[in-house]
Amino acid sequence: MDGMSPILLGFLGSLAAGLMTAVGASPVLFGRTPTRQTRDISLGFAAGVMLAASFFSLIIPALAAAEARYGPGAVPALIACIGILIGMGALALMNERLPHEHFSSGREGPAAESMRRIWLFIIAITIHNLPEGLAVGVGFGAEGFAGGFPIALGIGLQNAPEGLAVAVALLGEGYSARRAWTVAALTGLVEPVTGLLGATVIVVAQPLLPWGLAFAAGAMLYVISHEIIPETHRAGHQNKATTGLAVGLVVMLFLDVWLG
């Protein structure tokens, strides 16, 4: 692994993480549908993993990379802050401009009455998954296997409950188990695309490293705040979902320190 190109590692790592969406959705193929409480706890766990990855795997390395380039002081902090805000703003803009539909809150973005509901769902999930693949790719591009593997592992762990949530929601919309699983699996395949892009940009343009890390962190923080946490609190399971978030956060923190 150490001799492999960071770009190839970024692609393979984000592909593996994306495929965990299919693994997570697989129970629907066997007629097993978890309760809403279980899904909310699992999504809370996913939010905790993403939150820890944002800070410990992306923001702190962004600060270190900026400090190594520009020295200590206000500049590294300013780069990290601006990068985070740009990442959050980019996801917010996509969320506003692209027509999509959430499983609980309905349609958002421009009117798209002519689009089939399935494509609106896919666009929403794609917006959600873009920063995850980007984070994995940037991690591998920045620090090779040691830097990218903990992020890929953490994102893969949180992709499993997300895949299950997507498949179950599609079942509720009347799709067959096989089709629901297929759509959920396909939504994870956007991650190797952004993973490859993130790794390539970081390897080719090293000065962009702190910006890329902070951007990926900001994009993930937007998804956590705007999508995952509100969804887990919608059905009255917020206490258990918060417990799941706490467990996910410390698991990702442990993995990052142990493996990174």
Protein backbone atom coordinates (compact mmCIF):
# COMPACT_ATOMS: atom_id res chain seq x y z
CA MET A 1 0.00 0.00 0.00
CA ASP A 2 2.84 2.40 0.83
CA GLY A 3 4.17 2.24 -2.73
CA MET A 4 0.80 2.82 -4.36
CA SER A 5 -0.09 6.16 -5.92
CA PRO A 6 -2.08 8.43 -3.54
CA ILE A 7 -4.49 9.10 -6.41
CA LEU A 8 -5.16 5.38 -6.87
CA LEU A 9 -5.46 4.96 -3.10
CA GLY A 10 -7.97 7.82 -3.01
CA PHE A 11 -10.08 6.18 -5.69
CA LEU A 12 -9.97 2.68 -4.18
CA GLY A 13 -10.54 3.94 -0.63
CA SER A 14 -13.55 6.03 -1.59
CA LEU A 15 -14.88 3.16 -3.74
CA ALA A 16 -14.68 0.78 -0.78
CA ALA A 17 -16.39 3.34 1.46
CA GLY A 18 -19.10 3.91 -1.14
CA LEU A 19 -19.77 0.19 -1.52
CA MET A 20 -20.61 0.01 2.19
CA THR A 21 -23.86 1.74 1.22
CA ALA A 22 -24.83 -1.44 -0.63
CA VAL A 23 -23.78 -3.59 2.32
CA GLY A 24 -25.88 -1.51 4.69
CA ALA A 25 -28.94 -1.73 2.43
CA SER A 26 -28.73 -5.52 2.05
CA PRO A 27 -31.18 -6.44 4.88
CA VAL A 28 -34.09 -5.26 2.69
CA LEU A 29 -33.27 -8.06 0.25
CA PHE A 30 -34.10 -10.55 3.01
CA GLY A 31 -37.30 -8.87 4.14
CA ARG A 32 -35.79 -7.35 7.27
CA THR A 33 -36.82 -3.76 7.90
CA PRO A 34 -35.48 -2.13 11.09
CA THR A 35 -37.66 0.10 13.25
CA ARG A 36 -37.54 3.87 12.89
CA GLN A 37 -35.82 4.07 16.29
CA THR A 38 -33.05 1.74 15.13
CA ARG A 39 -32.59 3.76 11.95
CA ASP A 40 -32.38 7.02 13.89
CA ILE A 41 -29.78 5.59 16.26
CA SER A 42 -27.76 4.32 13.29
CA LEU A 43 -27.93 7.69 11.54
CA GLY A 44 -26.91 9.37 14.81
CA PHE A 45 -23.87 7.10 14.84
CA ALA A 46 -23.15 8.15 11.25
CA ALA A 47 -23.35 11.82 12.24
CA GLY A 48 -20.89 11.24 15.09
CA VAL A 49 -18.42 9.52 12.78
CA MET A 50 -18.62 12.37 10.26
CA LEU A 51 -18.29 14.99 13.01
CA ALA A 52 -15.13 13.40 14.40
CA ALA A 53 -13.69 12.88 10.93
CA SER A 54 -14.34 16.54 10.07
CA PHE A 55 -12.27 17.81 13.00
CA PHE A 56 -9.65 15.17 13.73
CA SER A 57 -9.02 13.90 10.20
CA LEU A 58 -9.55 17.10 8.20
CA ILE A 59 -9.54 20.39 10.14
CA ILE A 60 -6.56 19.63 12.41
CA PRO A 61 -4.44 18.35 9.46
CA ALA A 62 -5.52 21.45 7.49
CA LEU A 63 -4.21 23.67 10.26
CA ALA A 64 -0.96 21.68 10.41
CA ALA A 65 -0.47 21.86 6.63
CA ALA A 66 -1.15 25.59 6.58
CA GLU A 67 1.23 26.18 9.49
CA ALA A 68 3.97 24.18 7.78
CA ARG A 69 3.59 26.38 4.71
CA TYR A 70 2.94 29.81 6.22
CA GLY A 71 4.28 29.50 9.76
CA PRO A 72 2.38 29.89 13.03
CA GLY A 73 -0.02 32.74 13.55
CA ALA A 74 -3.34 33.89 12.22
CA VAL A 75 -2.87 32.79 8.60
CA PRO A 76 -3.36 29.02 9.15
CA ALA A 77 -6.47 29.64 11.24
CA LEU A 78 -7.82 32.05 8.64
CA ILE A 79 -7.27 29.53 5.82
CA ALA A 80 -9.06 26.81 7.79
CA CYS A 81 -11.98 29.09 8.65
CA ILE A 82 -12.42 30.33 5.08
CA GLY A 83 -12.07 26.80 3.66
CA ILE A 84 -14.75 25.46 6.03
CA LEU A 85 -17.14 28.27 5.15
CA ILE A 86 -16.56 27.78 1.42
CA GLY A 87 -17.25 24.04 1.79
CA MET A 88 -20.46 24.66 3.69
CA GLY A 89 -21.49 27.37 1.24
CA ALA A 90 -20.87 25.12 -1.76
CA LEU A 91 -23.13 22.40 -0.35
CA ALA A 92 -25.75 24.97 0.61
CA LEU A 93 -25.71 26.35 -2.94
CA MET A 94 -26.09 22.87 -4.43
CA ASN A 95 -28.92 22.17 -2.01
CA GLU A 96 -30.67 25.34 -3.13
CA ARG A 97 -30.02 25.15 -6.86
CA LEU A 98 -30.43 21.45 -7.66
CA PRO A 99 -33.95 20.02 -7.63
CA HIS A 100 -34.16 17.16 -5.15
CA GLU A 101 -36.52 15.52 -2.69
CA HIS A 102 -36.00 14.39 0.88
CA PHE A 103 -37.81 11.36 2.21
CA SER A 104 -39.47 13.25 5.07
CA SER A 105 -39.33 16.98 4.35
CA GLY A 106 -40.32 16.82 0.67
CA ARG A 107 -38.99 18.72 -2.33
CA GLU A 108 -36.34 21.42 -2.20
CA GLY A 109 -34.58 23.46 -4.84
CA PRO A 110 -36.07 24.69 -8.13
CA ALA A 111 -39.40 23.30 -9.26
CA ALA A 112 -38.96 20.03 -11.12
CA GLU A 113 -42.43 18.64 -11.67
CA SER A 114 -41.35 16.83 -14.82
CA MET A 115 -38.67 14.82 -13.03
CA ARG A 116 -39.60 11.42 -11.66
CA ARG A 117 -39.52 11.13 -7.88
CA ILE A 118 -36.77 8.52 -8.01
CA TRP A 119 -34.41 10.99 -9.69
CA LEU A 120 -35.21 13.66 -7.16
CA PHE A 121 -34.29 11.20 -4.42
CA ILE A 122 -31.08 10.25 -6.20
CA ILE A 123 -30.04 13.90 -6.56
CA ALA A 124 -30.66 14.48 -2.85
CA ILE A 125 -28.56 11.46 -1.87
CA THR A 126 -25.83 12.45 -4.33
CA ILE A 127 -25.58 15.89 -2.73
CA HIS A 128 -25.26 14.10 0.60
CA ASN A 129 -22.51 11.71 -0.56
CA LEU A 130 -20.32 14.15 -2.50
CA PRO A 131 -18.39 15.51 0.53
CA GLU A 132 -17.83 12.03 1.95
CA GLY A 133 -15.98 10.80 -1.12
CA LEU A 134 -14.13 14.11 -1.30
CA ALA A 135 -12.97 13.76 2.31
CA VAL A 136 -11.60 10.25 1.67
CA GLY A 137 -9.80 11.32 -1.51
CA VAL A 138 -8.29 14.39 0.13
CA GLY A 139 -7.12 12.28 3.06
CA PHE A 140 -5.27 9.82 0.83
CA GLY A 141 -3.93 12.60 -1.39
CA ALA A 142 -2.60 14.52 1.59
CA GLU A 143 -0.94 11.80 3.65
CA GLY A 144 -1.15 8.54 1.69
CA PHE A 145 -2.49 5.36 3.24
CA ALA A 146 -1.88 6.43 6.84
CA GLY A 147 -3.88 9.62 6.40
CA GLY A 148 -6.69 8.27 4.25
CA PHE A 149 -7.42 4.85 5.74
CA PRO A 150 -8.99 6.05 9.02
CA ILE A 151 -11.25 8.42 7.08
CA ALA A 152 -12.22 5.72 4.57
CA LEU A 153 -12.97 3.29 7.41
CA GLY A 154 -15.04 5.85 9.30
CA ILE A 155 -16.99 6.96 6.21
CA GLY A 156 -17.57 3.31 5.30
CA LEU A 157 -18.98 2.63 8.77
CA GLN A 158 -21.40 5.53 8.54
CA ASN A 159 -22.39 4.68 4.95
CA ALA A 160 -23.92 1.40 6.08
CA PRO A 161 -26.80 2.91 8.12
CA GLU A 162 -27.28 5.57 5.43
CA GLY A 163 -27.69 2.89 2.77
CA LEU A 164 -30.22 1.08 4.94
CA ALA A 165 -32.16 4.29 5.55
CA VAL A 166 -32.33 5.01 1.82
CA ALA A 167 -33.49 1.48 0.95
CA VAL A 168 -36.14 1.45 3.68
CA ALA A 169 -37.43 4.85 2.56
CA LEU A 170 -37.71 3.60 -1.02
CA LEU A 171 -39.63 0.56 0.18
CA GLY A 172 -42.06 2.97 1.81
CA GLU A 173 -42.47 4.70 -1.56
CA GLY A 174 -43.60 1.41 -3.13
CA TYR A 175 -40.38 0.18 -4.73
CA SER A 176 -39.53 -3.51 -4.69
CA ALA A 177 -36.81 -4.76 -2.35
CA ARG A 178 -34.41 -5.44 -5.22
CA ARG A 179 -34.93 -2.03 -6.80
CA ALA A 180 -34.65 -0.25 -3.45
CA TRP A 181 -31.33 -2.02 -2.78
CA THR A 182 -30.06 -1.23 -6.28
CA VAL A 183 -30.81 2.48 -5.99
CA ALA A 184 -29.24 2.64 -2.51
CA ALA A 185 -26.13 0.86 -3.80
CA LEU A 186 -25.80 3.17 -6.79
CA THR A 187 -25.96 6.29 -4.63
CA GLY A 188 -22.72 5.26 -2.94
CA LEU A 189 -20.87 5.13 -6.26
CA VAL A 190 -20.65 8.92 -6.46
CA GLU A 191 -18.04 8.73 -3.71
CA PRO A 192 -15.18 7.25 -5.80
CA VAL A 193 -15.76 10.01 -8.35
CA THR A 194 -15.26 12.81 -5.84
CA GLY A 195 -12.61 10.73 -4.08
CA LEU A 196 -10.57 10.54 -7.28
CA LEU A 197 -11.06 14.26 -7.86
CA GLY A 198 -10.01 15.19 -4.33
CA ALA A 199 -6.89 13.01 -4.33
CA THR A 200 -5.84 14.26 -7.77
CA VAL A 201 -6.21 17.94 -6.89
CA ILE A 202 -4.25 17.57 -3.65
CA VAL A 203 -1.41 15.58 -5.25
CA VAL A 204 -1.10 17.85 -8.29
CA ALA A 205 -1.50 21.15 -6.42
CA GLN A 206 0.11 20.83 -2.99
CA PRO A 207 -0.49 24.48 -2.06
CA LEU A 208 -4.22 23.66 -2.11
CA LEU A 209 -3.81 20.97 0.58
CA PRO A 210 -5.02 23.00 3.61
CA TRP A 211 -7.82 24.49 1.54
CA GLY A 212 -8.94 21.09 0.28
CA LEU A 213 -8.95 19.56 3.76
CA ALA A 214 -10.93 22.46 5.23
CA PHE A 215 -13.35 22.50 2.27
CA ALA A 216 -14.11 18.79 2.70
CA ALA A 217 -14.65 19.31 6.44
CA GLY A 218 -17.04 22.20 5.83
CA ALA A 219 -19.03 20.21 3.30
CA MET A 220 -19.43 17.33 5.74
CA LEU A 221 -20.40 19.66 8.59
CA TYR A 222 -23.17 21.09 6.41
CA VAL A 223 -24.56 17.61 5.73
CA ILE A 224 -24.45 16.76 9.45
CA SER A 225 -26.30 19.91 10.49
CA HIS A 226 -28.71 20.27 7.57
CA GLU A 227 -29.56 16.64 6.80
CA ILE A 228 -28.63 13.94 9.30
CA ILE A 229 -29.32 15.44 12.74
CA PRO A 230 -32.73 16.94 11.80
CA GLU A 231 -33.73 13.58 10.29
CA THR A 232 -32.82 11.66 13.48
CA HIS A 233 -34.82 14.10 15.64
CA ARG A 234 -37.95 14.08 13.50
CA ALA A 235 -39.71 11.08 15.06
CA GLY A 236 -39.06 11.70 18.77
CA HIS A 237 -35.95 9.53 19.13
CA GLN A 238 -33.55 12.43 19.66
CA ASN A 239 -32.15 11.14 22.96
CA LYS A 240 -31.21 7.76 21.52
CA ALA A 241 -29.96 9.39 18.32
CA THR A 242 -27.71 11.66 20.38
CA THR A 243 -26.36 8.61 22.17
CA GLY A 244 -25.61 7.09 18.77
CA LEU A 245 -23.83 10.31 17.77
CA ALA A 246 -21.68 10.19 20.90
CA VAL A 247 -20.70 6.56 20.24
CA GLY A 248 -19.91 7.29 16.60
CA LEU A 249 -17.77 10.28 17.55
CA VAL A 250 -15.61 8.40 20.04
CA VAL A 251 -15.30 5.36 17.76
CA MET A 252 -14.02 7.56 14.93
CA LEU A 253 -11.73 9.45 17.30
CA PHE A 254 -10.26 6.16 18.52
CA LEU A 255 -9.78 4.84 14.98
CA ASP A 256 -8.16 8.07 13.83
CA VAL A 257 -5.66 8.12 16.71
CA TRP A 258 -4.99 4.38 16.59
CA LEU A 259 -4.70 3.95 12.84
CA GLY A 260 -3.56 7.44 11.83
